[in-house]
PDB file of N, CA and C in Angstrom:
ATOM      1  N   UNK A   1       0.836  -1.172   0.000  1.00  0.00           N
ATOM      2  CA  UNK A   1       0.000   0.000   0.000  1.00  0.00           C
ATOM      3  C   UNK A   1       0.882   1.237   0.000  1.00  0.00           C
ATOM      4  N   UNK A   2       0.363   2.315  -0.503  1.00  0.00           N
ATOM      5  CA  UNK A   2       1.147   3.531  -0.602  1.00  0.00           C
ATOM      6  C   UNK A   2       1.760   3.672  -1.976  1.00  0.00           C
ATOM      7  N   UNK A   3       2.161   4.889  -2.284  1.00  0.00           N
ATOM      8  CA  UNK A   3       2.836   5.151  -3.558  1.00  0.00           C
ATOM      9  C   UNK A   3       4.324   5.298  -3.290  1.00  0.00           C
ATOM     10  N   UNK A   4       5.145   4.438  -3.900  1.00  0.00           N
ATOM     11  CA  UNK A   4       6.583   4.520  -3.659  1.00  0.00           C
ATOM     12  C   UNK A   4       7.176   5.857  -4.100  1.00  0.00           C
ATOM     13  N   UNK A   5       8.149   6.335  -3.354  1.00  0.00           N
ATOM     14  CA  UNK A   5       8.857   7.568  -3.706  1.00  0.00           C
ATOM     15  C   UNK A   5       9.462   7.464  -5.102  1.00  0.00           C
ATOM     16  N   UNK A   6       9.918   6.279  -5.474  1.00  0.00           N
ATOM     17  CA  UNK A   6      10.564   6.085  -6.770  1.00  0.00           C
ATOM     18  C   UNK A   6       9.658   6.336  -7.956  1.00  0.00           C
ATOM     19  N   UNK A   7       8.341   6.212  -7.766  1.00  0.00           N
ATOM     20  CA  UNK A   7       7.431   6.476  -8.884  1.00  0.00           C
ATOM     21  C   UNK A   7       7.353   7.961  -9.197  1.00  0.00           C
ATOM     22  N   UNK A   8       7.687   8.784  -8.234  1.00  0.00           N
ATOM     23  CA  UNK A   8       7.697  10.232  -8.464  1.00  0.00           C
ATOM     24  C   UNK A   8       8.909  10.644  -9.294  1.00  0.00           C
ATOM     25  N   UNK A   9       9.882   9.731  -9.397  1.00  0.00           N
ATOM     26  CA  UNK A   9      11.093   9.975 -10.180  1.00  0.00           C
ATOM     27  C   UNK A   9      11.031   9.252 -11.527  1.00  0.00           C
ATOM     28  N   UNK A  10       9.858   8.734 -11.892  1.00  0.00           N
ATOM     29  CA  UNK A  10       9.702   8.047 -13.172  1.00  0.00           C
ATOM     30  C   UNK A  10       9.749   6.534 -13.079  1.00  0.00           C
ATOM     31  N   UNK A  11       9.928   5.998 -11.891  1.00  0.00           N
ATOM     32  CA  UNK A  11       9.966   4.549 -11.731  1.00  0.00           C
ATOM     33  C   UNK A  11       8.578   3.942 -11.767  1.00  0.00           C
ATOM     34  N   UNK A  12       8.538   2.637 -11.972  1.00  0.00           N
ATOM     35  CA  UNK A  12       7.274   1.907 -11.935  1.00  0.00           C
ATOM     36  C   UNK A  12       7.407   0.745 -10.961  1.00  0.00           C
ATOM     37  N   UNK A  13       6.286   0.372 -10.349  1.00  0.00           N
ATOM     38  CA  UNK A  13       6.272  -0.732  -9.394  1.00  0.00           C
ATOM     39  C   UNK A  13       6.142  -2.037 -10.171  1.00  0.00           C
ATOM     40  N   UNK A  14       7.031  -2.957  -9.899  1.00  0.00           N
ATOM     41  CA  UNK A  14       6.971  -4.278 -10.520  1.00  0.00           C
ATOM     42  C   UNK A  14       6.744  -5.301  -9.412  1.00  0.00           C
ATOM     43  N   UNK A  15       5.616  -6.003  -9.471  1.00  0.00           N
ATOM     44  CA  UNK A  15       5.328  -7.057  -8.509  1.00  0.00           C
ATOM     45  C   UNK A  15       5.992  -8.331  -9.002  1.00  0.00           C
ATOM     46  N   UNK A  16       6.952  -8.802  -8.252  1.00  0.00           N
ATOM     47  CA  UNK A  16       7.676 -10.013  -8.628  1.00  0.00           C
ATOM     48  C   UNK A  16       6.916 -11.244  -8.137  1.00  0.00           C
ATOM     49  N   UNK A  17       6.378 -11.126  -6.944  1.00  0.00           N
ATOM     50  CA  UNK A  17       5.635 -12.230  -6.350  1.00  0.00           C
ATOM     51  C   UNK A  17       4.469 -11.646  -5.568  1.00  0.00           C
ATOM     52  N   UNK A  18       3.247 -12.038  -5.918  1.00  0.00           N
ATOM     53  CA  UNK A  18       2.057 -11.479  -5.289  1.00  0.00           C
ATOM     54  C   UNK A  18       1.570 -12.311  -4.107  1.00  0.00           C
ATOM     55  N   UNK A  19       2.136 -13.493  -3.914  1.00  0.00           N
ATOM     56  CA  UNK A  19       1.724 -14.322  -2.782  1.00  0.00           C
ATOM     57  C   UNK A  19       2.945 -15.018  -2.199  1.00  0.00           C
ATOM     58  N   UNK A  20       2.832 -15.393  -0.931  1.00  0.00           N
ATOM     59  CA  UNK A  20       3.915 -16.103  -0.248  1.00  0.00           C
ATOM     60  C   UNK A  20       3.330 -17.294   0.490  1.00  0.00           C
ATOM     61  N   UNK A  21       4.141 -18.297   0.692  1.00  0.00           N
ATOM     62  CA  UNK A  21       3.735 -19.483   1.442  1.00  0.00           C
ATOM     63  C   UNK A  21       3.851 -19.180   2.936  1.00  0.00           C
ATOM     64  N   UNK A  22       2.840 -19.656   3.692  1.00  0.00           N
ATOM     65  CA  UNK A  22       2.855 -19.457   5.139  1.00  0.00           C
ATOM     66  C   UNK A  22       2.509 -20.766   5.831  1.00  0.00           C
ATOM     67  N   UNK A  23       2.770 -20.800   7.120  1.00  0.00           N
ATOM     68  CA  UNK A  23       2.345 -21.900   7.987  1.00  0.00           C
ATOM     69  C   UNK A  23       1.548 -21.257   9.116  1.00  0.00           C
ATOM     70  N   UNK A  24       0.292 -21.720   9.280  1.00  0.00           N
ATOM     71  CA  UNK A  24      -0.570 -21.153  10.317  1.00  0.00           C
ATOM     72  C   UNK A  24      -1.726 -22.099  10.582  1.00  0.00           C
ATOM     73  N   UNK A  25      -2.305 -21.982  11.751  1.00  0.00           N
ATOM     74  CA  UNK A  25      -3.528 -22.712  12.060  1.00  0.00           C
ATOM     75  C   UNK A  25      -4.655 -22.105  11.225  1.00  0.00           C
ATOM     76  N   UNK A  26      -5.674 -22.880  10.899  1.00  0.00           N
ATOM     77  CA  UNK A  26      -6.742 -22.375  10.024  1.00  0.00           C
ATOM     78  C   UNK A  26      -7.337 -21.038  10.465  1.00  0.00           C
ATOM     79  N   UNK A  27      -7.538 -20.834  11.743  1.00  0.00           N
ATOM     80  CA  UNK A  27      -8.130 -19.574  12.203  1.00  0.00           C
ATOM     81  C   UNK A  27      -7.148 -18.406  12.180  1.00  0.00           C
ATOM     82  N   UNK A  28      -5.850 -18.702  12.038  1.00  0.00           N
ATOM     83  CA  UNK A  28      -4.827 -17.649  12.019  1.00  0.00           C
ATOM     84  C   UNK A  28      -4.426 -17.232  10.600  1.00  0.00           C
ATOM     85  N   UNK A  29      -4.968 -17.909   9.583  1.00  0.00           N
ATOM     86  CA  UNK A  29      -4.593 -17.592   8.200  1.00  0.00           C
ATOM     87  C   UNK A  29      -5.184 -16.226   7.828  1.00  0.00           C
ATOM     88  N   UNK A  30      -4.312 -15.279   7.464  1.00  0.00           N
ATOM     89  CA  UNK A  30      -4.817 -13.943   7.101  1.00  0.00           C
ATOM     90  C   UNK A  30      -5.419 -13.950   5.694  1.00  0.00           C
ATOM     91  N   UNK A  31      -6.437 -13.135   5.477  1.00  0.00           N
ATOM     92  CA  UNK A  31      -7.023 -12.991   4.144  1.00  0.00           C
ATOM     93  C   UNK A  31      -6.023 -12.307   3.213  1.00  0.00           C
ATOM     94  N   UNK A  32      -5.236 -11.392   3.779  1.00  0.00           N
ATOM     95  CA  UNK A  32      -4.202 -10.699   3.016  1.00  0.00           C
ATOM     96  C   UNK A  32      -3.183 -10.141   3.995  1.00  0.00           C
ATOM     97  N   UNK A  33      -2.049  -9.742   3.456  1.00  0.00           N
ATOM     98  CA  UNK A  33      -1.003  -9.110   4.255  1.00  0.00           C
ATOM     99  C   UNK A  33      -0.746  -7.745   3.631  1.00  0.00           C
ATOM    100  N   UNK A  34      -0.929  -6.694   4.384  1.00  0.00           N
ATOM    101  CA  UNK A  34      -0.713  -5.337   3.898  1.00  0.00           C
ATOM    102  C   UNK A  34       0.747  -4.944   4.114  1.00  0.00           C
ATOM    103  N   UNK A  35       1.361  -4.413   3.087  1.00  0.00           N
ATOM    104  CA  UNK A  35       2.760  -3.997   3.152  1.00  0.00           C
ATOM    105  C   UNK A  35       2.857  -2.556   2.678  1.00  0.00           C
ATOM    106  N   UNK A  36       3.534  -1.715   3.446  1.00  0.00           N
ATOM    107  CA  UNK A  36       3.721  -0.319   3.068  1.00  0.00           C
ATOM    108  C   UNK A  36       4.953  -0.215   2.180  1.00  0.00           C
ATOM    109  N   UNK A  37       4.749   0.203   0.926  1.00  0.00           N
ATOM    110  CA  UNK A  37       5.872   0.322  -0.020  1.00  0.00           C
ATOM    111  C   UNK A  37       6.188   1.784  -0.328  1.00  0.00           C
ATOM    112  N   UNK A  38       5.621   2.704   0.425  1.00  0.00           N
ATOM    113  CA  UNK A  38       5.779   4.127   0.114  1.00  0.00           C
ATOM    114  C   UNK A  38       7.218   4.617   0.229  1.00  0.00           C
ATOM    115  N   UNK A  39       8.074   3.936   0.975  1.00  0.00           N
ATOM    116  CA  UNK A  39       9.461   4.386   1.136  1.00  0.00           C
ATOM    117  C   UNK A  39      10.388   3.842   0.052  1.00  0.00           C
ATOM    118  N   UNK A  40       9.892   2.970  -0.835  1.00  0.00           N
ATOM    119  CA  UNK A  40      10.759   2.383  -1.862  1.00  0.00           C
ATOM    120  C   UNK A  40      11.181   3.425  -2.890  1.00  0.00           C
ATOM    121  N   UNK A  41      12.475   3.512  -3.122  1.00  0.00           N
ATOM    122  CA  UNK A  41      13.051   4.386  -4.148  1.00  0.00           C
ATOM    123  C   UNK A  41      13.328   3.545  -5.392  1.00  0.00           C
ATOM    124  N   UNK A  42      13.697   4.195  -6.489  1.00  0.00           N
ATOM    125  CA  UNK A  42      14.073   3.476  -7.700  1.00  0.00           C
ATOM    126  C   UNK A  42      15.245   2.550  -7.377  1.00  0.00           C
ATOM    127  N   UNK A  43      15.105   1.291  -7.723  1.00  0.00           N
ATOM    128  CA  UNK A  43      16.152   0.301  -7.476  1.00  0.00           C
ATOM    129  C   UNK A  43      15.969  -0.458  -6.170  1.00  0.00           C
ATOM    130  N   UNK A  44      15.049  -0.007  -5.296  1.00  0.00           N
ATOM    131  CA  UNK A  44      14.795  -0.699  -4.036  1.00  0.00           C
ATOM    132  C   UNK A  44      13.921  -1.928  -4.272  1.00  0.00           C
ATOM    133  N   UNK A  45      14.096  -2.937  -3.433  1.00  0.00           N
ATOM    134  CA  UNK A  45      13.314  -4.161  -3.515  1.00  0.00           C
ATOM    135  C   UNK A  45      12.821  -4.542  -2.133  1.00  0.00           C
ATOM    136  N   UNK A  46      11.559  -4.884  -2.034  1.00  0.00           N
ATOM    137  CA  UNK A  46      10.975  -5.389  -0.796  1.00  0.00           C
ATOM    138  C   UNK A  46      11.140  -6.902  -0.814  1.00  0.00           C
ATOM    139  N   UNK A  47      11.725  -7.454   0.248  1.00  0.00           N
ATOM    140  CA  UNK A  47      11.937  -8.900   0.329  1.00  0.00           C
ATOM    141  C   UNK A  47      11.004  -9.519   1.361  1.00  0.00           C
ATOM    142  N   UNK A  48      10.945 -10.846   1.374  1.00  0.00           N
ATOM    143  CA  UNK A  48      10.095 -11.572   2.320  1.00  0.00           C
ATOM    144  C   UNK A  48      10.484 -11.264   3.766  1.00  0.00           C
ATOM    145  N   UNK A  49      11.737 -10.960   4.019  1.00  0.00           N
ATOM    146  CA  UNK A  49      12.185 -10.643   5.375  1.00  0.00           C
ATOM    147  C   UNK A  49      11.528  -9.370   5.900  1.00  0.00           C
ATOM    148  N   UNK A  50      11.043  -8.517   5.010  1.00  0.00           N
ATOM    149  CA  UNK A  50      10.441  -7.247   5.410  1.00  0.00           C
ATOM    150  C   UNK A  50       8.926  -7.328   5.598  1.00  0.00           C
ATOM    151  N   UNK A  51       8.350  -8.513   5.444  1.00  0.00           N
ATOM    152  CA  UNK A  51       6.915  -8.664   5.663  1.00  0.00           C
ATOM    153  C   UNK A  51       6.611  -8.476   7.145  1.00  0.00           C
ATOM    154  N   UNK A  52       5.444  -7.921   7.470  1.00  0.00           N
ATOM    155  CA  UNK A  52       5.113  -7.674   8.876  1.00  0.00           C
ATOM    156  C   UNK A  52       4.896  -8.986   9.635  1.00  0.00           C
ATOM    157  N   UNK A  53       5.282  -8.991  10.906  1.00  0.00           N
ATOM    158  CA  UNK A  53       5.057 -10.161  11.745  1.00  0.00           C
ATOM    159  C   UNK A  53       3.580 -10.225  12.100  1.00  0.00           C
ATOM    160  N   UNK A  54       3.001 -11.417  11.958  1.00  0.00           N
ATOM    161  CA  UNK A  54       1.600 -11.634  12.291  1.00  0.00           C
ATOM    162  C   UNK A  54       1.523 -12.762  13.321  1.00  0.00           C
ATOM    163  N   UNK A  55       0.707 -12.590  14.334  1.00  0.00           N
ATOM    164  CA  UNK A  55       0.555 -13.606  15.376  1.00  0.00           C
ATOM    165  C   UNK A  55       0.073 -14.922  14.770  1.00  0.00           C
ATOM    166  N   UNK A  56       0.781 -15.991  15.067  1.00  0.00           N
ATOM    167  CA  UNK A  56       0.389 -17.319  14.620  1.00  0.00           C
ATOM    168  C   UNK A  56       0.739 -17.630  13.186  1.00  0.00           C
ATOM    169  N   UNK A  57       1.475 -16.747  12.519  1.00  0.00           N
ATOM    170  CA  UNK A  57       1.811 -16.948  11.104  1.00  0.00           C
ATOM    171  C   UNK A  57       3.328 -17.008  10.947  1.00  0.00           C
ATOM    172  N   UNK A  58       3.782 -18.030  10.238  1.00  0.00           N
ATOM    173  CA  UNK A  58       5.208 -18.159   9.919  1.00  0.00           C
ATOM    174  C   UNK A  58       5.353 -18.137   8.404  1.00  0.00           C
ATOM    175  N   UNK A  59       6.194 -17.243   7.906  1.00  0.00           N
ATOM    176  CA  UNK A  59       6.454 -17.176   6.470  1.00  0.00           C
ATOM    177  C   UNK A  59       7.431 -18.284   6.103  1.00  0.00           C
ATOM    178  N   UNK A  60       7.121 -19.027   5.042  1.00  0.00           N
ATOM    179  CA  UNK A  60       7.971 -20.135   4.628  1.00  0.00           C
ATOM    180  C   UNK A  60       8.899 -19.764   3.478  1.00  0.00           C
ATOM    181  N   UNK A  61       8.835 -18.557   2.996  1.00  0.00           N
ATOM    182  CA  UNK A  61       9.677 -18.097   1.882  1.00  0.00           C
ATOM    183  C   UNK A  61      11.095 -17.799   2.366  1.00  0.00           C
ATOM    184  N   UNK A  62      12.042 -17.905   1.456  1.00  0.00           N
ATOM    185  CA  UNK A  62      13.407 -17.488   1.737  1.00  0.00           C
ATOM    186  C   UNK A  62      13.377 -16.004   2.081  1.00  0.00           C
ATOM    187  N   UNK A  63      14.074 -15.597   3.117  1.00  0.00           N
ATOM    188  CA  UNK A  63      14.052 -14.193   3.545  1.00  0.00           C
ATOM    189  C   UNK A  63      14.519 -13.228   2.459  1.00  0.00           C
ATOM    190  N   UNK A  64      15.388 -13.711   1.564  1.00  0.00           N
ATOM    191  CA  UNK A  64      15.904 -12.855   0.496  1.00  0.00           C
ATOM    192  C   UNK A  64      15.019 -12.853  -0.754  1.00  0.00           C
ATOM    193  N   UNK A  65      13.911 -13.585  -0.721  1.00  0.00           N
ATOM    194  CA  UNK A  65      13.035 -13.661  -1.900  1.00  0.00           C
ATOM    195  C   UNK A  65      12.442 -12.286  -2.201  1.00  0.00           C
ATOM    196  N   UNK A  66      12.664 -11.769  -3.421  1.00  0.00           N
ATOM    197  CA  UNK A  66      12.121 -10.452  -3.779  1.00  0.00           C
ATOM    198  C   UNK A  66      10.619 -10.533  -4.019  1.00  0.00           C
ATOM    199  N   UNK A  67       9.887  -9.528  -3.546  1.00  0.00           N
ATOM    200  CA  UNK A  67       8.440  -9.493  -3.723  1.00  0.00           C
ATOM    201  C   UNK A  67       8.002  -8.341  -4.616  1.00  0.00           C
ATOM    202  N   UNK A  68       8.536  -7.159  -4.345  1.00  0.00           N
ATOM    203  CA  UNK A  68       8.171  -5.947  -5.095  1.00  0.00           C
ATOM    204  C   UNK A  68       9.430  -5.122  -5.304  1.00  0.00           C
ATOM    205  N   UNK A  69       9.540  -4.495  -6.469  1.00  0.00           N
ATOM    206  CA  UNK A  69      10.672  -3.614  -6.736  1.00  0.00           C
ATOM    207  C   UNK A  69      10.187  -2.388  -7.500  1.00  0.00           C
ATOM    208  N   UNK A  70      10.981  -1.332  -7.460  1.00  0.00           N
ATOM    209  CA  UNK A  70      10.681  -0.128  -8.236  1.00  0.00           C
ATOM    210  C   UNK A  70      11.791  -0.002  -9.273  1.00  0.00           C
ATOM    211  N   UNK A  71      11.391  -0.001 -10.534  1.00  0.00           N
ATOM    212  CA  UNK A  71      12.368   0.024 -11.625  1.00  0.00           C
ATOM    213  C   UNK A  71      12.106   1.205 -12.546  1.00  0.00           C
ATOM    214  N   UNK A  72      13.112   1.554 -13.321  1.00  0.00           N
ATOM    215  CA  UNK A  72      12.962   2.555 -14.378  1.00  0.00           C
ATOM    216  C   UNK A  72      12.542   1.795 -15.631  1.00  0.00           C
ATOM    217  N   UNK A  73      11.446   2.202 -16.273  1.00  0.00           N
ATOM    218  CA  UNK A  73      11.009   1.479 -17.478  1.00  0.00           C
ATOM    219  C   UNK A  73      12.003   1.655 -18.612  1.00  0.00           C
ATOM    220  N   UNK A  74      12.114   0.620 -19.414  1.00  0.00           N
ATOM    221  CA  UNK A  74      12.969   0.700 -20.600  1.00  0.00           C
ATOM    222  C   UNK A  74      12.252   1.514 -21.664  1.00  0.00           C
ATOM    223  N   UNK A  75      13.012   2.312 -22.369  1.00  0.00           N
ATOM    224  CA  UNK A  75      12.445   3.101 -23.449  1.00  0.00           C
ATOM    225  C   UNK A  75      12.825   2.420 -24.759  1.00  0.00           C
ATOM    226  N   UNK A  76      11.817   2.087 -25.535  1.00  0.00           N
ATOM    227  CA  UNK A  76      12.044   1.468 -26.830  1.00  0.00           C
ATOM    228  C   UNK A  76      11.807   2.528 -27.879  1.00  0.00           C
ATOM    229  N   UNK A  77      12.861   2.811 -28.642  1.00  0.00           N
ATOM    230  CA  UNK A  77      12.756   3.838 -29.670  1.00  0.00           C
ATOM    231  C   UNK A  77      12.231   3.210 -30.943  1.00  0.00           C
ATOM    232  N   UNK A  78      11.116   3.726 -31.425  1.00  0.00           N
ATOM    233  CA  UNK A  78      10.509   3.200 -32.635  1.00  0.00           C
ATOM    234  C   UNK A  78      11.158   3.862 -33.844  1.00  0.00           C
ATOM    235  N   UNK A  79      11.610   3.027 -34.777  1.00  0.00           N
ATOM    236  CA  UNK A  79      12.216   3.543 -35.996  1.00  0.00           C
ATOM    237  C   UNK A  79      11.113   3.686 -37.032  1.00  0.00           C
ATOM    238  N   UNK A  80      10.890   4.915 -37.464  1.00  0.00           N
ATOM    239  CA  UNK A  80       9.855   5.192 -38.449  1.00  0.00           C
ATOM    240  C   UNK A  80      10.537   5.381 -39.798  1.00  0.00           C
ATOM    241  N   UNK A  81      10.173   4.545 -40.774  1.00  0.00           N
ATOM    242  CA  UNK A  81      10.825   4.690 -42.086  1.00  0.00           C
ATOM    243  C   UNK A  81      10.443   6.015 -42.739  1.00  0.00           C
ATOM    244  N   UNK A  82      11.403   6.561 -43.471  1.00  0.00           N
ATOM    245  CA  UNK A  82      11.152   7.816 -44.165  1.00  0.00           C
ATOM    246  C   UNK A  82      10.301   7.527 -45.392  1.00  0.00           C
ATOM    247  N   UNK A  83       9.263   8.298 -45.599  1.00  0.00           N
ATOM    248  CA  UNK A  83       8.325   8.077 -46.699  1.00  0.00           C
ATOM    249  C   UNK A  83       8.385   9.265 -47.644  1.00  0.00           C
ATOM    250  N   UNK A  84       8.472   8.950 -48.955  1.00  0.00           N
ATOM    251  CA  UNK A  84       8.442  10.017 -49.952  1.00  0.00           C
ATOM    252  C   UNK A  84       7.007  10.475 -50.143  1.00  0.00           C
ATOM    253  N   UNK A  85       6.809  11.770 -50.317  1.00  0.00           N
ATOM    254  CA  UNK A  85       5.481  12.313 -50.528  1.00  0.00           C
ATOM    255  C   UNK A  85       5.371  12.870 -51.933  1.00  0.00           C
ATOM    256  N   UNK A  86       4.168  12.746 -52.532  1.00  0.00           N
ATOM    257  CA  UNK A  86       3.954  13.325 -53.856  1.00  0.00           C
ATOM    258  C   UNK A  86       3.629  14.810 -53.714  1.00  0.00           C
ATOM    259  N   UNK A  87       3.271  15.449 -54.812  1.00  0.00           N
ATOM    260  CA  UNK A  87       3.029  16.888 -54.770  1.00  0.00           C
ATOM    261  C   UNK A  87       1.804  17.264 -53.933  1.00  0.00           C
ATOM    262  N   UNK A  88       0.912  16.304 -53.673  1.00  0.00           N
ATOM    263  CA  UNK A  88      -0.262  16.557 -52.834  1.00  0.00           C
ATOM    264  C   UNK A  88       0.010  16.244 -51.363  1.00  0.00           C
ATOM    265  N   UNK A  89       1.226  15.826 -51.061  1.00  0.00           N
ATOM    266  CA  UNK A  89       1.570  15.490 -49.688  1.00  0.00           C
ATOM    267  C   UNK A  89       1.165  14.084 -49.290  1.00  0.00           C
ATOM    268  N   UNK A  90       0.782  13.264 -50.255  1.00  0.00           N
ATOM    269  CA  UNK A  90       0.381  11.886 -49.990  1.00  0.00           C
ATOM    270  C   UNK A  90       1.598  10.971 -50.144  1.00  0.00           C
ATOM    271  N   UNK A  91       1.668   9.889 -49.346  1.00  0.00           N
ATOM    272  CA  UNK A  91       2.803   8.976 -49.466  1.00  0.00           C
ATOM    273  C   UNK A  91       2.810   8.272 -50.816  1.00  0.00           C
ATOM    274  N   UNK A  92       4.002   8.116 -51.366  1.00  0.00           N
ATOM    275  CA  UNK A  92       4.171   7.404 -52.631  1.00  0.00           C
ATOM    276  C   UNK A  92       4.431   5.958 -52.289  1.00  0.00           C
ATOM    277  N   UNK A  93       3.592   5.062 -52.807  1.00  0.00           N
ATOM    278  CA  UNK A  93       3.756   3.638 -52.543  1.00  0.00           C
ATOM    279  C   UNK A  93       4.296   2.971 -53.789  1.00  0.00           C
ATOM    280  N   UNK A  94       5.276   2.102 -53.617  1.00  0.00           N
ATOM    281  CA  UNK A  94       5.870   1.392 -54.732  1.00  0.00           C
ATOM    282  C   UNK A  94       5.574  -0.091 -54.599  1.00  0.00           C
ATOM    283  N   UNK A  95       5.106  -0.687 -55.678  1.00  0.00           N
ATOM    284  CA  UNK A  95       4.913  -2.138 -55.718  1.00  0.00           C
ATOM    285  C   UNK A  95       6.198  -2.764 -56.223  1.00  0.00           C
ATOM    286  N   UNK A  96       6.313  -4.087 -56.066  1.00  0.00           N
ATOM    287  CA  UNK A  96       7.518  -4.768 -56.524  1.00  0.00           C
ATOM    288  C   UNK A  96       7.428  -5.042 -58.022  1.00  0.00           C
ATOM    289  N   UNK A  97       8.574  -5.112 -58.689  1.00  0.00           N
ATOM    290  CA  UNK A  97       8.617  -5.494 -60.099  1.00  0.00           C
ATOM    291  C   UNK A  97       8.911  -4.328 -61.013  1.00  0.00           C
ATOM    292  N   UNK A  98       9.181  -4.670 -62.306  1.00  0.00           N
ATOM    293  CA  UNK A  98       9.533  -3.657 -63.292  1.00  0.00           C
ATOM    294  C   UNK A  98       8.372  -2.725 -63.607  1.00  0.00           C
ATOM    295  N   UNK A  99       7.148  -3.272 -63.660  1.00  0.00           N
ATOM    296  CA  UNK A  99       6.003  -2.433 -63.977  1.00  0.00           C
ATOM    297  C   UNK A  99       5.854  -1.305 -62.963  1.00  0.00           C
ATOM    298  N   UNK A 100       6.112  -1.620 -61.712  1.00  0.00           N
ATOM    299  CA  UNK A 100       5.996  -0.600 -60.674  1.00  0.00           C
ATOM    300  C   UNK A 100       7.059   0.471 -60.869  1.00  0.00           C
ATOM    301  N   UNK A 101       8.277   0.043 -61.231  1.00  0.00           N
ATOM    302  CA  UNK A 101       9.344   1.007 -61.453  1.00  0.00           C
ATOM    303  C   UNK A 101       9.013   1.907 -62.641  1.00  0.00           C
ATOM    304  N   UNK A 102       8.493   1.295 -63.731  1.00  0.00           N
ATOM    305  CA  UNK A 102       8.132   2.078 -64.905  1.00  0.00           C
ATOM    306  C   UNK A 102       6.986   3.033 -64.585  1.00  0.00           C
ATOM    307  N   UNK A 103       5.998   2.530 -63.830  1.00  0.00           N
ATOM    308  CA  UNK A 103       4.851   3.360 -63.489  1.00  0.00           C
ATOM    309  C   UNK A 103       5.289   4.530 -62.616  1.00  0.00           C
ATOM    310  N   UNK A 104       6.205   4.275 -61.716  1.00  0.00           N
ATOM    311  CA  UNK A 104       6.690   5.343 -60.857  1.00  0.00           C
ATOM    312  C   UNK A 104       7.442   6.380 -61.673  1.00  0.00           C
ATOM    313  N   UNK A 105       8.209   5.906 -62.661  1.00  0.00           N
ATOM    314  CA  UNK A 105       8.961   6.824 -63.505  1.00  0.00           C
ATOM    315  C   UNK A 105       8.019   7.663 -64.374  1.00  0.00           C
ATOM    316  N   UNK A 106       6.905   7.062 -64.809  1.00  0.00           N
ATOM    317  CA  UNK A 106       5.958   7.758 -65.672  1.00  0.00           C
ATOM    318  C   UNK A 106       4.892   8.503 -64.870  1.00  0.00           C
ATOM    319  N   UNK A 107       4.802   8.211 -63.574  1.00  0.00           N
ATOM    320  CA  UNK A 107       3.793   8.866 -62.759  1.00  0.00           C
ATOM    321  C   UNK A 107       2.433   8.212 -62.856  1.00  0.00           C
ATOM    322  N   UNK A 108       2.368   6.989 -63.401  1.00  0.00           N
ATOM    323  CA  UNK A 108       1.100   6.274 -63.546  1.00  0.00           C
ATOM    324  C   UNK A 108       1.073   5.107 -62.569  1.00  0.00           C
ATOM    325  N   UNK A 109      -0.118   4.558 -62.360  1.00  0.00           N
ATOM    326  CA  UNK A 109      -0.238   3.402 -61.486  1.00  0.00           C
ATOM    327  C   UNK A 109       0.127   2.153 -62.263  1.00  0.00           C
ATOM    328  N   UNK A 110       0.721   1.131 -61.595  1.00  0.00           N
ATOM    329  CA  UNK A 110       1.087  -0.102 -62.289  1.00  0.00           C
ATOM    330  C   UNK A 110      -0.157  -0.844 -62.770  1.00  0.00           C
ATOM    331  N   UNK A 111       0.018  -1.590 -63.863  1.00  0.00           N
ATOM    332  CA  UNK A 111      -1.078  -2.362 -64.427  1.00  0.00           C
ATOM    333  C   UNK A 111      -1.438  -3.517 -63.514  1.00  0.00           C
ATOM    334  N   UNK A 112      -2.710  -3.908 -63.557  1.00  0.00           N
ATOM    335  CA  UNK A 112      -3.174  -5.021 -62.727  1.00  0.00           C
ATOM    336  C   UNK A 112      -2.575  -6.310 -63.265  1.00  0.00           C
ATOM    337  N   UNK A 113      -2.054  -7.162 -62.393  1.00  0.00           N
ATOM    338  CA  UNK A 113      -1.392  -8.395 -62.822  1.00  0.00           C
ATOM    339  C   UNK A 113      -2.394  -9.439 -63.282  1.00  0.00           C
ATOM    340  N   UNK A 114      -3.694  -9.209 -63.142  1.00  0.00           N
ATOM    341  CA  UNK A 114      -4.716 -10.164 -63.549  1.00  0.00           C
ATOM    342  C   UNK A 114      -5.008 -10.094 -65.032  1.00  0.00           C
ATOM    343  N   UNK A 115      -4.288  -9.372 -65.806  1.00  0.00           N
ATOM    344  CA  UNK A 115      -4.462  -9.295 -67.234  1.00  0.00           C
ATOM    345  C   UNK A 115      -5.405  -8.191 -67.654  1.00  0.00           C
ATOM    346  N   UNK A 116      -5.934  -7.456 -66.719  1.00  0.00           N
ATOM    347  CA  UNK A 116      -6.766  -6.313 -67.055  1.00  0.00           C
ATOM    348  C   UNK A 116      -8.212  -6.654 -67.269  1.00  0.00           C
ATOM    349  N   UNK A 117      -8.589  -7.940 -67.359  1.00  0.00           N
ATOM    350  CA  UNK A 117      -9.972  -8.314 -67.565  1.00  0.00           C
ATOM    351  C   UNK A 117     -10.729  -8.212 -66.251  1.00  0.00           C
ATOM    352  N   UNK A 118     -11.941  -7.645 -66.356  1.00  0.00           N
ATOM    353  CA  UNK A 118     -12.749  -7.514 -65.160  1.00  0.00           C
ATOM    354  C   UNK A 118     -13.549  -8.790 -64.951  1.00  0.00           C
ATOM    355  N   UNK A 119     -13.843  -9.095 -63.730  1.00  0.00           N
ATOM    356  CA  UNK A 119     -14.625 -10.279 -63.390  1.00  0.00           C
ATOM    357  C   UNK A 119     -16.088  -9.957 -63.640  1.00  0.00           C
ATOM    358  N   UNK A 120     -16.737 -10.736 -64.510  1.00  0.00           N
ATOM    359  CA  UNK A 120     -18.119 -10.474 -64.849  1.00  0.00           C
ATOM    360  C   UNK A 120     -19.063 -11.366 -64.067  1.00  0.00           C
ATOM    361  N   UNK A 121     -18.658 -11.957 -62.934  1.00  0.00           N
ATOM    362  CA  UNK A 121     -19.462 -12.923 -62.216  1.00  0.00           C
ATOM    363  C   UNK A 121     -20.275 -12.361 -61.207  1.00  0.00           C
TER     364      UNK A 121
END
């Protein structure tokens, strides 16, 4: 619970493990365990050892097991191909083959590869 300090610096919360194994009598089993993560900075990790002590509950996880961390997201740079524009500002599309090259040189659209006959069906 809480908003980690690291998120104010551009970090994001990554939940590594949302549940942990415990040992408890049936009436002592908690519905949930609340953990305050508001002090986590970028690069900080909350481990099982930092879970709050609960009466009648024993955590069975390794104390060093990471549960939550605050990380800096990776930035993926999208490469946008450069597109040629015609005199109207519309993208020029080229088809494959010699006809497309000739049509582009002449400024006309390439001929239909179906032989030019229309389907009368």
